[in-house]
C-alpha atoms as a PDB file:
ATOM      1  CA  MET A   1       8.180 -32.802 -24.318  1.00  0.00           C
ATOM      2  CA  ARG A   2      10.124 -29.320 -23.758  1.00  0.00           C
ATOM      3  CA  ARG A   3       7.064 -27.167 -24.123  1.00  0.00           C
ATOM      4  CA  TRP A   4       5.698 -28.839 -21.112  1.00  0.00           C
ATOM      5  CA  ILE A   5       8.457 -28.803 -18.439  1.00  0.00           C
ATOM      6  CA  TRP A   6       8.826 -24.550 -19.606  1.00  0.00           C
ATOM      7  CA  LEU A   7       5.314 -24.722 -18.746  1.00  0.00           C
ATOM      8  CA  GLY A   8       5.376 -26.537 -15.596  1.00  0.00           C
ATOM      9  CA  ILE A   9       8.307 -24.519 -14.381  1.00  0.00           C
ATOM     10  CA  VAL A  10       6.877 -20.904 -15.260  1.00  0.00           C
ATOM     11  CA  VAL A  11       3.704 -21.868 -13.735  1.00  0.00           C
ATOM     12  CA  MET A  12       6.089 -23.238 -10.832  1.00  0.00           C
ATOM     13  CA  LEU A  13       7.797 -19.716 -10.616  1.00  0.00           C
ATOM     14  CA  VAL A  14       4.471 -17.934 -11.206  1.00  0.00           C
ATOM     15  CA  ALA A  15       3.555 -19.856  -7.592  1.00  0.00           C
ATOM     16  CA  ALA A  16       5.709 -19.517  -5.429  1.00  0.00           C
ATOM     17  CA  PHE A  17       6.169 -15.552  -6.225  1.00  0.00           C
ATOM     18  CA  ALA A  18       2.551 -15.171  -5.461  1.00  0.00           C
ATOM     19  CA  ALA A  19       3.159 -17.124  -2.413  1.00  0.00           C
ATOM     20  CA  ALA A  20       6.410 -14.808  -1.430  1.00  0.00           C
ATOM     21  CA  CYS A  21       3.636 -11.784  -2.229  1.00  0.00           C
ATOM     22  CA  GLY A  22       1.249 -13.196  -0.022  1.00  0.00           C
ATOM     23  CA  GLY A  23      -1.891 -11.757   0.729  1.00  0.00           C
ATOM     24  CA  GLY A  24      -1.657  -9.429   3.917  1.00  0.00           C
ATOM     25  CA  GLY A  25      -5.035 -10.791   4.915  1.00  0.00           C
ATOM     26  CA  GLN A  26      -5.308 -13.324   7.670  1.00  0.00           C
ATOM     27  CA  GLN A  27      -1.758 -15.434   9.429  1.00  0.00           C
ATOM     28  CA  GLY A  28      -2.064 -17.831  11.294  1.00  0.00           C
ATOM     29  CA  GLY A  29      -4.110 -17.787  14.449  1.00  0.00           C
ATOM     30  CA  GLY A  30      -6.905 -15.536  12.520  1.00  0.00           C
ATOM     31  CA  GLN A  31      -5.155 -12.910  13.645  1.00  0.00           C
ATOM     32  CA  PRO A  32      -4.877  -9.581  10.587  1.00  0.00           C
ATOM     33  CA  SER A  33      -1.278  -9.296   9.705  1.00  0.00           C
ATOM     34  CA  GLY A  34      -0.371  -5.516   9.860  1.00  0.00           C
ATOM     35  CA  THR A  35       2.183  -3.443  11.690  1.00  0.00           C
ATOM     36  CA  PRO A  36       2.985  -2.754  15.477  1.00  0.00           C
ATOM     37  CA  GLU A  37       1.934   0.379  16.848  1.00  0.00           C
ATOM     38  CA  GLY A  38       4.001   2.981  16.376  1.00  0.00           C
ATOM     39  CA  SER A  39       5.950   0.706  13.516  1.00  0.00           C
ATOM     40  CA  ALA A  40       6.983   3.005   9.628  1.00  0.00           C
ATOM     41  CA  VAL A  41       4.570   1.512   6.593  1.00  0.00           C
ATOM     42  CA  ALA A  42       6.477   1.970   3.665  1.00  0.00           C
ATOM     43  CA  VAL A  43       4.074   3.946   0.419  1.00  0.00           C
ATOM     44  CA  SER A  44       4.860   3.921  -2.845  1.00  0.00           C
ATOM     45  CA  GLU A  45       2.773   5.969  -5.721  1.00  0.00           C
ATOM     46  CA  LYS A  46       3.526   6.066  -9.062  1.00  0.00           C
ATOM     47  CA  GLU A  47       1.911   6.188 -12.198  1.00  0.00           C
ATOM     48  CA  TRP A  48      -1.184   5.577 -10.804  1.00  0.00           C
ATOM     49  CA  THR A  49      -1.103   3.291  -8.427  1.00  0.00           C
ATOM     50  CA  ILE A  50      -0.810   3.732  -4.362  1.00  0.00           C
ATOM     51  CA  GLN A  51       0.880   0.205  -2.933  1.00  0.00           C
ATOM     52  CA  PHE A  52       1.353   0.704   1.215  1.00  0.00           C
ATOM     53  CA  ALA A  53       3.897  -2.299   2.136  1.00  0.00           C
ATOM     54  CA  SER A  54       0.764  -3.890   4.128  1.00  0.00           C
ATOM     55  CA  SER A  55      -2.931  -2.527   3.872  1.00  0.00           C
ATOM     56  CA  THR A  56      -3.930  -4.233   7.015  1.00  0.00           C
ATOM     57  CA  MET A  57      -2.576  -2.155   9.969  1.00  0.00           C
ATOM     58  CA  LYS A  58      -3.863  -2.537  13.618  1.00  0.00           C
ATOM     59  CA  PRO A  59      -4.450   1.395  15.832  1.00  0.00           C
ATOM     60  CA  GLY A  60      -3.061   3.557  16.993  1.00  0.00           C
ATOM     61  CA  LYS A  61      -0.069   6.123  15.349  1.00  0.00           C
ATOM     62  CA  VAL A  62       0.906   4.659  12.610  1.00  0.00           C
ATOM     63  CA  LYS A  63       4.370   6.754  10.860  1.00  0.00           C
ATOM     64  CA  LEU A  64       3.936   6.925   6.751  1.00  0.00           C
ATOM     65  CA  LEU A  65       6.676   7.357   4.984  1.00  0.00           C
ATOM     66  CA  ILE A  66       5.222   7.981   1.064  1.00  0.00           C
ATOM     67  CA  LYS A  67       7.772   8.085  -1.598  1.00  0.00           C
ATOM     68  CA  ASN A  68       6.545   9.157  -5.098  1.00  0.00           C
ATOM     69  CA  GLU A  69       8.435   6.801  -7.279  1.00  0.00           C
ATOM     70  CA  GLY A  70       6.656   8.425 -10.710  1.00  0.00           C
ATOM     71  CA  THR A  71       7.793  10.645 -13.161  1.00  0.00           C
ATOM     72  CA  ILE A  72       5.158  13.501 -11.697  1.00  0.00           C
ATOM     73  CA  GLU A  73       4.118  15.714  -8.871  1.00  0.00           C
ATOM     74  CA  HIS A  74       1.779  13.623  -6.795  1.00  0.00           C
ATOM     75  CA  ASN A  75      -0.188  13.889  -3.227  1.00  0.00           C
ATOM     76  CA  PHE A  76      -1.249  11.620  -0.585  1.00  0.00           C
ATOM     77  CA  VAL A  77      -5.100  11.971   1.193  1.00  0.00           C
ATOM     78  CA  ILE A  78      -6.396   9.706   3.717  1.00  0.00           C
ATOM     79  CA  GLU A  79     -10.129  10.293   3.797  1.00  0.00           C
ATOM     80  CA  GLY A  80     -11.317  10.927   7.343  1.00  0.00           C
ATOM     81  CA  THR A  81      -8.018  11.577   8.625  1.00  0.00           C
ATOM     82  CA  SER A  82      -5.570  15.027   9.302  1.00  0.00           C
ATOM     83  CA  VAL A  83      -3.143  13.317   6.395  1.00  0.00           C
ATOM     84  CA  ASP A  84      -4.060  15.602   3.382  1.00  0.00           C
ATOM     85  CA  LEU A  85      -0.238  16.099   1.597  1.00  0.00           C
ATOM     86  CA  GLU A  86       0.189  18.447  -0.504  1.00  0.00           C
ATOM     87  CA  ALA A  87       2.816  18.022  -3.669  1.00  0.00           C
ATOM     88  CA  ILE A  88       5.353  15.034  -3.299  1.00  0.00           C
ATOM     89  CA  PRO A  89       8.075  15.295  -6.343  1.00  0.00           C
ATOM     90  CA  PRO A  90       9.086  13.393  -8.402  1.00  0.00           C
ATOM     91  CA  GLY A  91      11.462  11.397  -6.444  1.00  0.00           C
ATOM     92  CA  SER A  92      10.939  12.816  -2.854  1.00  0.00           C
ATOM     93  CA  THR A  93       9.476  11.198   0.182  1.00  0.00           C
ATOM     94  CA  LYS A  94       7.211  12.839   2.656  1.00  0.00           C
ATOM     95  CA  GLU A  95       6.676  11.481   5.989  1.00  0.00           C
ATOM     96  CA  VAL A  96       3.688  11.893   7.994  1.00  0.00           C
ATOM     97  CA  THR A  97       2.191  10.201  11.653  1.00  0.00           C
ATOM     98  CA  VAL A  98      -1.180   9.290  12.106  1.00  0.00           C
ATOM     99  CA  ASP A  99      -3.693   7.726  14.651  1.00  0.00           C
ATOM    100  CA  LEU A 100      -5.722   5.160  12.861  1.00  0.00           C
ATOM    101  CA  LYS A 101      -9.045   3.971  14.396  1.00  0.00           C
ATOM    102  CA  PRO A 102     -10.385   0.111  13.751  1.00  0.00           C
ATOM    103  CA  GLY A 103     -12.443   0.784  10.675  1.00  0.00           C
ATOM    104  CA  THR A 104     -11.370   1.058   6.596  1.00  0.00           C
ATOM    105  CA  TYR A 105     -10.240   4.519   5.291  1.00  0.00           C
ATOM    106  CA  ASN A 106      -9.549   5.314   1.010  1.00  0.00           C
ATOM    107  CA  VAL A 107      -6.172   7.125   0.053  1.00  0.00           C
ATOM    108  CA  LEU A 108      -6.135   8.382  -3.086  1.00  0.00           C
ATOM    109  CA  CYS A 109      -4.469  11.253  -4.407  1.00  0.00           C
ATOM    110  CA  THR A 110      -6.713  14.069  -5.734  1.00  0.00           C
ATOM    111  CA  ILE A 111      -4.466  15.725  -8.389  1.00  0.00           C
ATOM    112  CA  ALA A 112      -7.123  16.505 -11.096  1.00  0.00           C
ATOM    113  CA  GLY A 113      -7.495  13.660 -12.830  1.00  0.00           C
ATOM    114  CA  HIS A 114      -5.592  10.926 -10.666  1.00  0.00           C
ATOM    115  CA  SER A 115      -7.409   8.903  -9.049  1.00  0.00           C
ATOM    116  CA  GLU A 116      -9.968   8.318 -11.619  1.00  0.00           C
ATOM    117  CA  ALA A 117      -6.890   7.368 -13.078  1.00  0.00           C
ATOM    118  CA  GLY A 118      -6.068   4.148 -10.710  1.00  0.00           C
ATOM    119  CA  MET A 119      -4.583   6.101  -7.892  1.00  0.00           C
ATOM    120  CA  LYS A 120      -6.598   5.235  -5.143  1.00  0.00           C
ATOM    121  CA  THR A 121      -7.211   2.620  -2.550  1.00  0.00           C
ATOM    122  CA  THR A 122      -8.049   1.052   0.836  1.00  0.00           C
ATOM    123  CA  ILE A 123      -6.337   0.395   4.184  1.00  0.00           C
ATOM    124  CA  THR A 124      -7.728  -1.448   6.424  1.00  0.00           C
ATOM    125  CA  VAL A 125      -6.750  -1.096  10.549  1.00  0.00           C
ATOM    126  CA  ALA A 126      -7.928  -3.791  12.820  1.00  0.00           C
ATOM    127  CA  GLN A 127      -7.264  -5.329  16.308  1.00  0.00           C
END
């Protein structure tokens, strides 16, 4: 009986955590969640992931704060834009502002082997 109680507690905690993390997709009214124009978005890089605080953004100028939380050097590229940050040392943060048009963008670390190991993601820019 105790096992079932603990299992129920674990399931409820996992469900609560998943709900708190959200999907970053659609919110009430069918409008995409995202960042208001001109706001800052935190981006975390580490072996072997790139994570945005919000992967859906509104068109316009967006300030990105890219922090290398890993133990080795990374870089940061958004294909289809002018964003191509070289060498972000471990523990360092770089800032870049980009004017995003509606669409989907590939984001990756172009250091040899890094994107192949998983350091890539996409962001969506929508009204």
